[in-house]
C-alpha atoms as a PDB file:
ATOM      1  CA  MET A   1      89.703  83.287 100.319  1.00  0.00           C
ATOM      2  CA  ASN A   2      89.506  80.084 102.323  1.00  0.00           C
ATOM      3  CA  VAL A   3      90.996  76.915 100.889  1.00  0.00           C
ATOM      4  CA  GLU A   4      90.339  73.481 102.365  1.00  0.00           C
ATOM      5  CA  THR A   5      92.143  70.409 101.039  1.00  0.00           C
ATOM      6  CA  ASN A   6      92.119  66.698 101.531  1.00  0.00           C
ATOM      7  CA  ASP A   7      93.266  63.739  99.442  1.00  0.00           C
ATOM      8  CA  PHE A   8      90.442  63.867  96.905  1.00  0.00           C
ATOM      9  CA  HIS A   9      89.275  67.439  96.381  1.00  0.00           C
ATOM     10  CA  THR A  10      89.919  71.087  97.087  1.00  0.00           C
ATOM     11  CA  THR A  11      87.201  73.454  98.280  1.00  0.00           C
ATOM     12  CA  ILE A  12      87.722  77.129  97.482  1.00  0.00           C
ATOM     13  CA  CYS A  13      85.494  79.692  99.207  1.00  0.00           C
ATOM     14  CA  GLY A  14      85.603  83.306  98.187  1.00  0.00           C
ATOM     15  CA  ARG A  15      82.962  86.044  98.259  1.00  0.00           C
ATOM     16  CA  GLY A  16      80.465  83.673  99.845  1.00  0.00           C
ATOM     17  CA  VAL A  17      80.658  81.171  96.994  1.00  0.00           C
ATOM     18  CA  CYS A  18      82.196  77.753  97.526  1.00  0.00           C
ATOM     19  CA  ARG A  19      83.315  75.605  94.630  1.00  0.00           C
ATOM     20  CA  MET A  20      84.721  72.123  94.805  1.00  0.00           C
ATOM     21  CA  ILE A  21      87.479  71.152  92.410  1.00  0.00           C
ATOM     22  CA  GLU A  22      87.759  67.387  92.271  1.00  0.00           C
ATOM     23  CA  PHE A  23      91.047  66.287  90.794  1.00  0.00           C
ATOM     24  CA  ALA A  24      90.489  62.575  91.346  1.00  0.00           C
ATOM     25  CA  VAL A  25      87.697  62.410  88.757  1.00  0.00           C
ATOM     26  CA  LEU A  26      89.945  63.687  85.958  1.00  0.00           C
ATOM     27  CA  PRO A  27      91.695  61.206  83.677  1.00  0.00           C
ATOM     28  CA  THR A  28      95.196  60.239  84.803  1.00  0.00           C
ATOM     29  CA  ALA A  29      96.844  61.798  81.751  1.00  0.00           C
ATOM     30  CA  LEU A  30      95.095  65.107  82.439  1.00  0.00           C
ATOM     31  CA  GLN A  31      96.129  65.008  86.106  1.00  0.00           C
ATOM     32  CA  ALA A  32      99.742  64.455  85.043  1.00  0.00           C
ATOM     33  CA  ALA A  33      99.521  67.290  82.502  1.00  0.00           C
ATOM     34  CA  LEU A  34      98.140  69.629  85.187  1.00  0.00           C
ATOM     35  CA  VAL A  35     100.996  68.782  87.552  1.00  0.00           C
ATOM     36  CA  VAL A  36     103.583  69.369  84.810  1.00  0.00           C
ATOM     37  CA  MET A  37     101.913  72.658  83.867  1.00  0.00           C
ATOM     38  CA  LEU A  38     101.832  73.856  87.484  1.00  0.00           C
ATOM     39  CA  VAL A  39     105.508  72.980  87.990  1.00  0.00           C
ATOM     40  CA  LEU A  40     106.400  74.791  84.759  1.00  0.00           C
ATOM     41  CA  VAL A  41     104.456  77.904  85.785  1.00  0.00           C
ATOM     42  CA  GLU A  42     106.156  77.858  89.189  1.00  0.00           C
ATOM     43  CA  ALA A  43     109.600  77.478  87.592  1.00  0.00           C
ATOM     44  CA  ILE A  44     108.961  80.386  85.222  1.00  0.00           C
ATOM     45  CA  GLY A  45     107.753  82.539  88.109  1.00  0.00           C
ATOM     46  CA  LEU A  46     110.841  81.768  90.172  1.00  0.00           C
ATOM     47  CA  TYR A  47     113.142  82.367  87.186  1.00  0.00           C
ATOM     48  CA  VAL A  48     111.583  85.767  86.479  1.00  0.00           C
ATOM     49  CA  GLY A  49     111.419  86.709  90.160  1.00  0.00           C
ATOM     50  CA  TYR A  50     115.024  85.819  90.905  1.00  0.00           C
ATOM     51  CA  GLY A  51     116.089  87.526  87.679  1.00  0.00           C
ATOM     52  CA  LEU A  52     114.429  90.751  88.791  1.00  0.00           C
ATOM     53  CA  LEU A  53     116.000  90.474  92.253  1.00  0.00           C
ATOM     54  CA  GLU A  54     119.411  89.870  90.749  1.00  0.00           C
ATOM     55  CA  GLU A  55     118.992  92.836  88.425  1.00  0.00           C
ATOM     56  CA  ARG A  56     118.160  95.164  91.314  1.00  0.00           C
ATOM     57  CA  ILE A  57     120.367  93.834  94.118  1.00  0.00           C
ATOM     58  CA  ALA A  58     123.458  92.365  92.434  1.00  0.00           C
ATOM     59  CA  PRO A  59     125.070  95.658  91.307  1.00  0.00           C
ATOM     60  CA  SER A  60     125.078  97.121  94.821  1.00  0.00           C
ATOM     61  CA  VAL A  61     126.372  93.869  96.328  1.00  0.00           C
ATOM     62  CA  LEU A  62     129.139  93.601  93.737  1.00  0.00           C
ATOM     63  CA  ASP A  63     130.087  97.270  94.291  1.00  0.00           C
ATOM     64  CA  ALA A  64     130.225  96.698  98.054  1.00  0.00           C
ATOM     65  CA  ILE A  65     132.489  93.687  97.544  1.00  0.00           C
ATOM     66  CA  ALA A  66     134.754  95.574  95.124  1.00  0.00           C
ATOM     67  CA  ASN A  67     135.050  98.565  97.472  1.00  0.00           C
ATOM     68  CA  SER A  68     135.776  96.480 100.579  1.00  0.00           C
ATOM     69  CA  SER A  69     139.189  95.344  99.296  1.00  0.00           C
END
């Protein structure tokens, strides 16, 4: 999928179909809500991802630290 961006719109091309998503034409309140939603989704993804990494990696790291003394 090819993505092209500039200040006013984003063009997404996939499977031979190109669509243009124009964010500048949306009302300001909706633009702000989209930004907040995207940041929230990213934060949740990072929280879950780091939680899974911690669950899998932390026990072995803590055991290695405990056994090195």
